[in-house]
Amino acid sequence: MRSIEELASHIDQPGIDGDPSKDIIHICPDITQDQALAVQLAVKRRRVAAGDRIIGHQASFTSNGVRAMFPDAPLPMVGTLLASIARRSGEEVQLDCEKVFIECELAMVLGKDLKGDNLTPIEVLSAIDGFLPAIEVAPLRPGVLEKVYSWPHLIAVQKAFGGYVLFGDKIMSAKGFDPRLEPCTVSIDGEERAVALGLEAMGNPLNVVAAMAARLHAIGEHLHAGQIIMTGSLPPPQPVTVENRVARADFPNLGSVSVRIAR
């Protein structure tokens, strides 16, 4: 087994997410998914040392719609979010890939650390300061749908290159709010594309956070107070191109978040 830092050097290079010949299992065939997550964090910490900042984590493959596309995906896959990919609602972004999808998500801000591998929904809820709407502009690199990459490789490169996350301007108190029953509507250029409830995320977005904490616990990490946690796309991801202008997610209680697409 190569060291985590050696593997981080391999992952932290341009083009690593678009070249199957550079899949991490080619240089480390016995790497586990937990070790791949440790590599991902090592890459992000390199970016922090260069002036970036970790602002939270995002779960992927948590809803039935997404899992239908990738039934053998980790549940959930954890990605580490950097400040450099975060934008405010309504900002314009440049698409950097031929295939790009809009993922509309329920996010939350932690008021306390969350540690451990067996947290209950009540323990998770007690650590949340508030909820807010979120969108990910997610590039789909060639070969991902065709499953030419290993899961350890996809974990290691999560949120390393390309894409954006955008958050609404309003944070709603967790008191009296049931994230399972909050609907989300995604629209592209004013056309409604899909609707889903919060319970699409593993039955309860709080279950997602507990599962993320467990994955981080396995590598000696945890979710930190002040971080933003995104719990995965609720409606099925919707494709966008440079011909589109605006993508939007609307929640009745949390409000809205939108992104403008640059030509």
C-alpha atoms as a PDB file:
ATOM      1  CA  MET A   1       0.000   0.000   0.000  1.00  0.00           C
ATOM      2  CA  ARG A   2       1.375   3.382  -0.980  1.00  0.00           C
ATOM      3  CA  SER A   3       1.189   6.231   1.513  1.00  0.00           C
ATOM      4  CA  ILE A   4      -1.819   8.543   1.553  1.00  0.00           C
ATOM      5  CA  GLU A   5       0.431  11.449   0.561  1.00  0.00           C
ATOM      6  CA  GLU A   6       1.818   9.541  -2.433  1.00  0.00           C
ATOM      7  CA  LEU A   7      -1.707   8.775  -3.573  1.00  0.00           C
ATOM      8  CA  ALA A   8      -2.747  12.402  -2.991  1.00  0.00           C
ATOM      9  CA  SER A   9       0.085  13.507  -5.288  1.00  0.00           C
ATOM     10  CA  HIS A  10      -1.280  11.169  -7.955  1.00  0.00           C
ATOM     11  CA  ILE A  11      -4.829  12.535  -7.601  1.00  0.00           C
ATOM     12  CA  ASP A  12      -3.816  16.191  -7.335  1.00  0.00           C
ATOM     13  CA  GLN A  13      -2.952  16.636 -11.009  1.00  0.00           C
ATOM     14  CA  PRO A  14      -4.911  18.100 -13.942  1.00  0.00           C
ATOM     15  CA  GLY A  15      -6.863  15.607 -16.041  1.00  0.00           C
ATOM     16  CA  ILE A  16      -6.977  12.954 -13.344  1.00  0.00           C
ATOM     17  CA  ASP A  17     -10.797  12.884 -13.487  1.00  0.00           C
ATOM     18  CA  GLY A  18     -10.884  12.403 -17.275  1.00  0.00           C
ATOM     19  CA  ASP A  19      -8.329   9.689 -17.978  1.00  0.00           C
ATOM     20  CA  PRO A  20      -9.209   6.080 -17.060  1.00  0.00           C
ATOM     21  CA  SER A  21      -5.562   5.062 -17.468  1.00  0.00           C
ATOM     22  CA  LYS A  22      -4.825   7.131 -14.355  1.00  0.00           C
ATOM     23  CA  ASP A  23      -7.398   5.349 -12.188  1.00  0.00           C
ATOM     24  CA  ILE A  24      -5.990   5.099  -8.676  1.00  0.00           C
ATOM     25  CA  ILE A  25      -6.384   1.307  -8.639  1.00  0.00           C
ATOM     26  CA  HIS A  26      -3.709   1.047 -11.335  1.00  0.00           C
ATOM     27  CA  ILE A  27      -1.101   2.240  -8.853  1.00  0.00           C
ATOM     28  CA  CYS A  28      -2.784   0.841  -5.739  1.00  0.00           C
ATOM     29  CA  PRO A  29      -4.953  -2.183  -6.608  1.00  0.00           C
ATOM     30  CA  ASP A  30      -5.896  -2.961  -3.001  1.00  0.00           C
ATOM     31  CA  ILE A  31      -7.062   0.524  -2.004  1.00  0.00           C
ATOM     32  CA  THR A  32     -10.333   0.548  -0.036  1.00  0.00           C
ATOM     33  CA  GLN A  33     -13.127   3.108  -0.229  1.00  0.00           C
ATOM     34  CA  ASP A  34     -12.181   4.389   3.232  1.00  0.00           C
ATOM     35  CA  GLN A  35      -8.583   4.883   2.139  1.00  0.00           C
ATOM     36  CA  ALA A  36      -9.794   6.666  -0.999  1.00  0.00           C
ATOM     37  CA  LEU A  37     -11.741   9.101   1.196  1.00  0.00           C
ATOM     38  CA  ALA A  38      -8.581   9.733   3.213  1.00  0.00           C
ATOM     39  CA  VAL A  39      -6.796  10.510  -0.077  1.00  0.00           C
ATOM     40  CA  GLN A  40      -9.569  12.926  -1.045  1.00  0.00           C
ATOM     41  CA  LEU A  41      -9.193  14.791   2.260  1.00  0.00           C
ATOM     42  CA  ALA A  42      -5.415  14.878   1.852  1.00  0.00           C
ATOM     43  CA  VAL A  43      -5.851  16.526  -1.563  1.00  0.00           C
ATOM     44  CA  LYS A  44      -8.238  19.110  -0.099  1.00  0.00           C
ATOM     45  CA  ARG A  45      -5.819  19.869   2.734  1.00  0.00           C
ATOM     46  CA  ARG A  46      -3.157  20.561   0.132  1.00  0.00           C
ATOM     47  CA  ARG A  47      -5.521  23.101  -1.408  1.00  0.00           C
ATOM     48  CA  VAL A  48      -6.084  24.618   2.055  1.00  0.00           C
ATOM     49  CA  ALA A  49      -2.321  24.950   2.528  1.00  0.00           C
ATOM     50  CA  ALA A  50      -2.272  26.826  -0.800  1.00  0.00           C
ATOM     51  CA  GLY A  51      -4.907  29.321   0.421  1.00  0.00           C
ATOM     52  CA  ASP A  52      -8.279  27.618  -0.044  1.00  0.00           C
ATOM     53  CA  ARG A  53     -10.680  26.640   2.764  1.00  0.00           C
ATOM     54  CA  ILE A  54     -12.856  23.621   3.581  1.00  0.00           C
ATOM     55  CA  ILE A  55     -16.463  24.783   4.072  1.00  0.00           C
ATOM     56  CA  GLY A  56     -18.249  21.460   4.460  1.00  0.00           C
ATOM     57  CA  HIS A  57     -19.166  18.183   2.816  1.00  0.00           C
ATOM     58  CA  GLN A  58     -21.628  16.898   0.263  1.00  0.00           C
ATOM     59  CA  ALA A  59     -23.251  13.491  -0.077  1.00  0.00           C
ATOM     60  CA  SER A  60     -23.867  11.874  -3.460  1.00  0.00           C
ATOM     61  CA  PHE A  61     -25.983   8.896  -4.622  1.00  0.00           C
ATOM     62  CA  THR A  62     -28.516   9.304  -1.812  1.00  0.00           C
ATOM     63  CA  SER A  63     -31.808   9.416  -3.756  1.00  0.00           C
ATOM     64  CA  ASN A  64     -33.611   6.635  -5.592  1.00  0.00           C
ATOM     65  CA  GLY A  65     -33.449   8.572  -8.861  1.00  0.00           C
ATOM     66  CA  VAL A  66     -29.666   8.838  -8.758  1.00  0.00           C
ATOM     67  CA  ARG A  67     -29.166   5.311  -7.444  1.00  0.00           C
ATOM     68  CA  ALA A  68     -31.146   3.961 -10.381  1.00  0.00           C
ATOM     69  CA  MET A  69     -28.288   5.247 -12.542  1.00  0.00           C
ATOM     70  CA  PHE A  70     -25.564   3.918 -10.205  1.00  0.00           C
ATOM     71  CA  PRO A  71     -27.042   1.075  -8.106  1.00  0.00           C
ATOM     72  CA  ASP A  72     -23.632  -0.091  -6.838  1.00  0.00           C
ATOM     73  CA  ALA A  73     -22.463   3.381  -5.736  1.00  0.00           C
ATOM     74  CA  PRO A  74     -21.336   3.970  -2.142  1.00  0.00           C
ATOM     75  CA  LEU A  75     -24.242   5.018   0.087  1.00  0.00           C
ATOM     76  CA  PRO A  76     -23.452   7.801   0.479  1.00  0.00           C
ATOM     77  CA  MET A  77     -20.337   8.983  -1.327  1.00  0.00           C
ATOM     78  CA  VAL A  78     -18.788  11.860   0.634  1.00  0.00           C
ATOM     79  CA  GLY A  79     -17.223  14.857  -1.087  1.00  0.00           C
ATOM     80  CA  THR A  80     -15.320  17.662   0.626  1.00  0.00           C
ATOM     81  CA  LEU A  81     -16.362  21.196  -0.354  1.00  0.00           C
ATOM     82  CA  LEU A  82     -13.862  24.011  -0.814  1.00  0.00           C
ATOM     83  CA  ALA A  83     -14.636  27.720  -0.652  1.00  0.00           C
ATOM     84  CA  SER A  84     -13.247  28.136  -4.177  1.00  0.00           C
ATOM     85  CA  ILE A  85     -16.213  26.291  -5.735  1.00  0.00           C
ATOM     86  CA  ALA A  86     -18.919  28.043  -3.674  1.00  0.00           C
ATOM     87  CA  ARG A  87     -21.039  30.799  -5.209  1.00  0.00           C
ATOM     88  CA  ARG A  88     -24.013  32.847  -4.003  1.00  0.00           C
ATOM     89  CA  SER A  89     -27.491  32.281  -5.352  1.00  0.00           C
ATOM     90  CA  GLY A  90     -28.017  33.998  -8.705  1.00  0.00           C
ATOM     91  CA  GLU A  91     -24.358  34.125  -9.691  1.00  0.00           C
ATOM     92  CA  GLU A  92     -23.238  33.191 -13.202  1.00  0.00           C
ATOM     93  CA  VAL A  93     -21.008  30.172 -13.779  1.00  0.00           C
ATOM     94  CA  GLN A  94     -19.121  28.810 -16.773  1.00  0.00           C
ATOM     95  CA  LEU A  95     -19.793  25.201 -17.756  1.00  0.00           C
ATOM     96  CA  ASP A  96     -16.506  23.343 -18.114  1.00  0.00           C
ATOM     97  CA  CYS A  97     -17.693  19.981 -19.429  1.00  0.00           C
ATOM     98  CA  GLU A  98     -19.807  18.728 -22.328  1.00  0.00           C
ATOM     99  CA  LYS A  99     -22.292  17.045 -19.963  1.00  0.00           C
ATOM    100  CA  VAL A 100     -23.351  19.040 -16.899  1.00  0.00           C
ATOM    101  CA  PHE A 101     -26.188  18.346 -14.488  1.00  0.00           C
ATOM    102  CA  ILE A 102     -28.068  20.476 -11.976  1.00  0.00           C
ATOM    103  CA  GLU A 103     -28.580  18.805  -8.615  1.00  0.00           C
ATOM    104  CA  CYS A 104     -31.057  20.455  -6.230  1.00  0.00           C
ATOM    105  CA  GLU A 105     -30.380  19.681  -2.605  1.00  0.00           C
ATOM    106  CA  LEU A 106     -31.309  20.342   0.975  1.00  0.00           C
ATOM    107  CA  ALA A 107     -28.369  21.690   2.983  1.00  0.00           C
ATOM    108  CA  MET A 108     -27.789  22.479   6.629  1.00  0.00           C
ATOM    109  CA  VAL A 109     -25.368  24.440   8.788  1.00  0.00           C
ATOM    110  CA  LEU A 110     -23.912  22.643  11.796  1.00  0.00           C
ATOM    111  CA  GLY A 111     -23.832  24.409  15.140  1.00  0.00           C
ATOM    112  CA  LYS A 112     -21.901  21.584  16.821  1.00  0.00           C
ATOM    113  CA  ASP A 113     -19.409  18.904  15.841  1.00  0.00           C
ATOM    114  CA  LEU A 114     -20.846  15.528  14.855  1.00  0.00           C
ATOM    115  CA  LYS A 115     -18.671  12.524  15.656  1.00  0.00           C
ATOM    116  CA  GLY A 116     -19.249   8.802  15.617  1.00  0.00           C
ATOM    117  CA  ASP A 117     -20.418   5.893  13.509  1.00  0.00           C
ATOM    118  CA  ASN A 118     -23.890   5.329  14.949  1.00  0.00           C
ATOM    119  CA  LEU A 119     -25.556   8.732  15.322  1.00  0.00           C
ATOM    120  CA  THR A 120     -29.345   8.895  15.623  1.00  0.00           C
ATOM    121  CA  PRO A 121     -31.508  11.394  13.697  1.00  0.00           C
ATOM    122  CA  ILE A 122     -32.207  13.198  16.992  1.00  0.00           C
ATOM    123  CA  GLU A 123     -28.477  13.582  17.679  1.00  0.00           C
ATOM    124  CA  VAL A 124     -27.970  14.948  14.181  1.00  0.00           C
ATOM    125  CA  LEU A 125     -30.905  17.354  14.502  1.00  0.00           C
ATOM    126  CA  SER A 126     -29.607  18.672  17.821  1.00  0.00           C
ATOM    127  CA  ALA A 127     -26.352  19.709  16.091  1.00  0.00           C
ATOM    128  CA  ILE A 128     -28.030  21.655  13.263  1.00  0.00           C
ATOM    129  CA  ASP A 129     -28.312  25.440  13.443  1.00  0.00           C
ATOM    130  CA  GLY A 130     -30.485  25.737  10.354  1.00  0.00           C
ATOM    131  CA  PHE A 131     -31.445  24.526   6.879  1.00  0.00           C
ATOM    132  CA  LEU A 132     -31.029  26.183   3.481  1.00  0.00           C
ATOM    133  CA  PRO A 133     -31.539  25.364  -0.219  1.00  0.00           C
ATOM    134  CA  ALA A 134     -28.589  24.415  -2.404  1.00  0.00           C
ATOM    135  CA  ILE A 135     -27.694  23.627  -6.005  1.00  0.00           C
ATOM    136  CA  GLU A 136     -24.719  21.779  -7.381  1.00  0.00           C
ATOM    137  CA  VAL A 137     -23.591  22.408 -10.956  1.00  0.00           C
ATOM    138  CA  ALA A 138     -22.034  18.997 -11.504  1.00  0.00           C
ATOM    139  CA  PRO A 139     -19.852  18.088 -14.494  1.00  0.00           C
ATOM    140  CA  LEU A 140     -20.212  14.518 -15.710  1.00  0.00           C
ATOM    141  CA  ARG A 141     -16.821  13.501 -17.023  1.00  0.00           C
ATOM    142  CA  PRO A 142     -16.526  11.122 -19.996  1.00  0.00           C
ATOM    143  CA  GLY A 143     -16.513   7.515 -18.862  1.00  0.00           C
ATOM    144  CA  VAL A 144     -18.449   7.940 -15.601  1.00  0.00           C
ATOM    145  CA  LEU A 145     -21.787   6.753 -16.986  1.00  0.00           C
ATOM    146  CA  GLU A 146     -19.948   3.976 -18.818  1.00  0.00           C
ATOM    147  CA  LYS A 147     -18.416   2.946 -15.447  1.00  0.00           C
ATOM    148  CA  VAL A 148     -14.832   2.879 -16.673  1.00  0.00           C
ATOM    149  CA  TYR A 149     -13.553   4.194 -13.313  1.00  0.00           C
ATOM    150  CA  SER A 150     -13.318   2.353 -10.025  1.00  0.00           C
ATOM    151  CA  TRP A 151     -15.295   3.600  -7.022  1.00  0.00           C
ATOM    152  CA  PRO A 152     -12.088   4.320  -5.051  1.00  0.00           C
ATOM    153  CA  HIS A 153     -10.961   6.581  -7.894  1.00  0.00           C
ATOM    154  CA  LEU A 154     -14.286   8.431  -8.045  1.00  0.00           C
ATOM    155  CA  ILE A 155     -14.195   8.904  -4.267  1.00  0.00           C
ATOM    156  CA  ALA A 156     -10.624  10.210  -4.329  1.00  0.00           C
ATOM    157  CA  VAL A 157     -11.350  12.806  -7.049  1.00  0.00           C
ATOM    158  CA  GLN A 158     -14.703  13.984  -5.609  1.00  0.00           C
ATOM    159  CA  LYS A 159     -15.030  17.795  -5.891  1.00  0.00           C
ATOM    160  CA  ALA A 160     -11.368  18.065  -6.911  1.00  0.00           C
ATOM    161  CA  PHE A 161     -11.833  19.662 -10.341  1.00  0.00           C
ATOM    162  CA  GLY A 162     -14.730  21.608 -11.882  1.00  0.00           C
ATOM    163  CA  GLY A 163     -18.280  22.239 -10.775  1.00  0.00           C
ATOM    164  CA  TYR A 164     -19.849  24.685  -8.337  1.00  0.00           C
ATOM    165  CA  VAL A 165     -22.139  24.738  -5.330  1.00  0.00           C
ATOM    166  CA  LEU A 166     -24.593  27.577  -4.692  1.00  0.00           C
ATOM    167  CA  PHE A 167     -26.553  28.315  -1.544  1.00  0.00           C
ATOM    168  CA  GLY A 168     -29.683  30.303  -0.826  1.00  0.00           C
ATOM    169  CA  ASP A 169     -29.510  33.554   1.114  1.00  0.00           C
ATOM    170  CA  LYS A 170     -31.915  32.406   3.828  1.00  0.00           C
ATOM    171  CA  ILE A 171     -31.129  30.006   6.681  1.00  0.00           C
ATOM    172  CA  MET A 172     -34.216  28.566   8.343  1.00  0.00           C
ATOM    173  CA  SER A 173     -34.228  27.489  11.973  1.00  0.00           C
ATOM    174  CA  ALA A 174     -34.248  23.755  12.561  1.00  0.00           C
ATOM    175  CA  LYS A 175     -36.929  24.195  15.225  1.00  0.00           C
ATOM    176  CA  GLY A 176     -40.235  22.747  14.061  1.00  0.00           C
ATOM    177  CA  PHE A 177     -38.925  21.943  10.575  1.00  0.00           C
ATOM    178  CA  ASP A 178     -39.248  18.408   9.181  1.00  0.00           C
ATOM    179  CA  PRO A 179     -36.743  17.999   6.324  1.00  0.00           C
ATOM    180  CA  ARG A 180     -38.380  14.754   5.207  1.00  0.00           C
ATOM    181  CA  LEU A 181     -41.565  16.539   4.112  1.00  0.00           C
ATOM    182  CA  GLU A 182     -40.013  19.579   2.412  1.00  0.00           C
ATOM    183  CA  PRO A 183     -40.671  19.454  -1.358  1.00  0.00           C
ATOM    184  CA  CYS A 184     -38.183  20.701  -3.918  1.00  0.00           C
ATOM    185  CA  THR A 185     -39.035  21.775  -7.468  1.00  0.00           C
ATOM    186  CA  VAL A 186     -36.266  22.128 -10.049  1.00  0.00           C
ATOM    187  CA  SER A 187     -36.813  24.270 -13.137  1.00  0.00           C
ATOM    188  CA  ILE A 188     -34.637  25.179 -16.116  1.00  0.00           C
ATOM    189  CA  ASP A 189     -35.383  28.472 -17.888  1.00  0.00           C
ATOM    190  CA  GLY A 190     -38.749  28.619 -16.153  1.00  0.00           C
ATOM    191  CA  GLU A 191     -39.795  25.097 -17.205  1.00  0.00           C
ATOM    192  CA  GLU A 192     -40.538  22.752 -14.313  1.00  0.00           C
ATOM    193  CA  ARG A 193     -38.491  19.585 -14.699  1.00  0.00           C
ATOM    194  CA  ALA A 194     -38.984  17.529 -11.525  1.00  0.00           C
ATOM    195  CA  VAL A 195     -40.320  17.558  -7.967  1.00  0.00           C
ATOM    196  CA  ALA A 196     -39.218  15.517  -4.950  1.00  0.00           C
ATOM    197  CA  LEU A 197     -39.522  15.458  -1.162  1.00  0.00           C
ATOM    198  CA  GLY A 198     -36.689  15.559   1.346  1.00  0.00           C
ATOM    199  CA  LEU A 199     -37.333  11.928   2.203  1.00  0.00           C
ATOM    200  CA  GLU A 200     -35.825  11.019  -1.176  1.00  0.00           C
ATOM    201  CA  ALA A 201     -32.450  11.417   0.555  1.00  0.00           C
ATOM    202  CA  MET A 202     -32.132   8.002   2.246  1.00  0.00           C
ATOM    203  CA  GLY A 203     -35.596   8.359   3.774  1.00  0.00           C
ATOM    204  CA  ASN A 204     -34.520  11.395   5.781  1.00  0.00           C
ATOM    205  CA  PRO A 205     -31.733  13.952   5.159  1.00  0.00           C
ATOM    206  CA  LEU A 206     -30.739  13.447   8.805  1.00  0.00           C
ATOM    207  CA  ASN A 207     -29.946   9.810   7.959  1.00  0.00           C
ATOM    208  CA  VAL A 208     -27.604  11.082   5.253  1.00  0.00           C
ATOM    209  CA  VAL A 209     -25.693  13.244   7.733  1.00  0.00           C
ATOM    210  CA  ALA A 210     -25.363  10.326  10.168  1.00  0.00           C
ATOM    211  CA  ALA A 211     -24.020   8.120   7.362  1.00  0.00           C
ATOM    212  CA  MET A 212     -21.548  10.829   6.306  1.00  0.00           C
ATOM    213  CA  ALA A 213     -20.331  11.134   9.893  1.00  0.00           C
ATOM    214  CA  ALA A 214     -19.840   7.361  10.007  1.00  0.00           C
ATOM    215  CA  ARG A 215     -17.745   7.357   6.821  1.00  0.00           C
ATOM    216  CA  LEU A 216     -15.560  10.159   8.168  1.00  0.00           C
ATOM    217  CA  HIS A 217     -15.311   8.439  11.556  1.00  0.00           C
ATOM    218  CA  ALA A 218     -13.808   5.395   9.809  1.00  0.00           C
ATOM    219  CA  ILE A 219     -10.792   7.509   8.780  1.00  0.00           C
ATOM    220  CA  GLY A 220     -10.488   9.423  12.049  1.00  0.00           C
ATOM    221  CA  GLU A 221     -12.390  12.543  10.920  1.00  0.00           C
ATOM    222  CA  HIS A 222     -15.732  14.132  11.742  1.00  0.00           C
ATOM    223  CA  LEU A 223     -18.173  16.850  10.704  1.00  0.00           C
ATOM    224  CA  HIS A 224     -17.238  20.214  12.185  1.00  0.00           C
ATOM    225  CA  ALA A 225     -19.325  23.011  13.674  1.00  0.00           C
ATOM    226  CA  GLY A 226     -19.837  25.786  11.134  1.00  0.00           C
ATOM    227  CA  GLN A 227     -19.673  23.472   8.140  1.00  0.00           C
ATOM    228  CA  ILE A 228     -22.359  23.312   5.453  1.00  0.00           C
ATOM    229  CA  ILE A 229     -23.599  19.800   4.739  1.00  0.00           C
ATOM    230  CA  MET A 230     -25.342  18.995   1.449  1.00  0.00           C
ATOM    231  CA  THR A 231     -27.413  15.813   1.509  1.00  0.00           C
ATOM    232  CA  GLY A 232     -27.654  14.855  -2.168  1.00  0.00           C
ATOM    233  CA  SER A 233     -29.907  15.603  -5.118  1.00  0.00           C
ATOM    234  CA  LEU A 234     -33.608  15.208  -4.300  1.00  0.00           C
ATOM    235  CA  PRO A 235     -35.146  15.331  -7.809  1.00  0.00           C
ATOM    236  CA  PRO A 236     -33.250  13.407 -10.498  1.00  0.00           C
ATOM    237  CA  PRO A 237     -30.281  15.465 -11.782  1.00  0.00           C
ATOM    238  CA  GLN A 238     -31.271  17.652 -14.733  1.00  0.00           C
ATOM    239  CA  PRO A 239     -28.983  18.272 -17.729  1.00  0.00           C
ATOM    240  CA  VAL A 240     -28.049  21.829 -18.742  1.00  0.00           C
ATOM    241  CA  THR A 241     -26.033  23.240 -21.641  1.00  0.00           C
ATOM    242  CA  VAL A 242     -24.674  26.636 -22.654  1.00  0.00           C
ATOM    243  CA  GLU A 243     -28.004  27.157 -24.439  1.00  0.00           C
ATOM    244  CA  ASN A 244     -29.734  27.346 -21.055  1.00  0.00           C
ATOM    245  CA  ARG A 245     -29.806  30.536 -19.025  1.00  0.00           C
ATOM    246  CA  VAL A 246     -31.105  29.852 -15.494  1.00  0.00           C
ATOM    247  CA  ALA A 247     -31.559  26.810 -13.272  1.00  0.00           C
ATOM    248  CA  ARG A 248     -33.557  27.134 -10.078  1.00  0.00           C
ATOM    249  CA  ALA A 249     -34.616  25.114  -7.029  1.00  0.00           C
ATOM    250  CA  ASP A 250     -37.704  26.181  -5.084  1.00  0.00           C
ATOM    251  CA  PHE A 251     -38.633  25.013  -1.588  1.00  0.00           C
ATOM    252  CA  PRO A 252     -41.857  26.250   0.071  1.00  0.00           C
ATOM    253  CA  ASN A 253     -40.229  26.845   3.470  1.00  0.00           C
ATOM    254  CA  LEU A 254     -36.531  27.164   2.699  1.00  0.00           C
ATOM    255  CA  GLY A 255     -36.955  29.546  -0.233  1.00  0.00           C
ATOM    256  CA  SER A 256     -35.099  29.442  -3.532  1.00  0.00           C
ATOM    257  CA  VAL A 257     -31.613  29.165  -4.966  1.00  0.00           C
ATOM    258  CA  SER A 258     -30.634  29.737  -8.583  1.00  0.00           C
ATOM    259  CA  VAL A 259     -27.670  29.748 -10.920  1.00  0.00           C
ATOM    260  CA  ARG A 260     -27.157  31.574 -14.216  1.00  0.00           C
ATOM    261  CA  ILE A 261     -25.351  29.798 -17.058  1.00  0.00           C
ATOM    262  CA  ALA A 262     -22.740  31.767 -18.988  1.00  0.00           C
ATOM    263  CA  ARG A 263     -22.699  31.514 -22.769  1.00  0.00           C
END
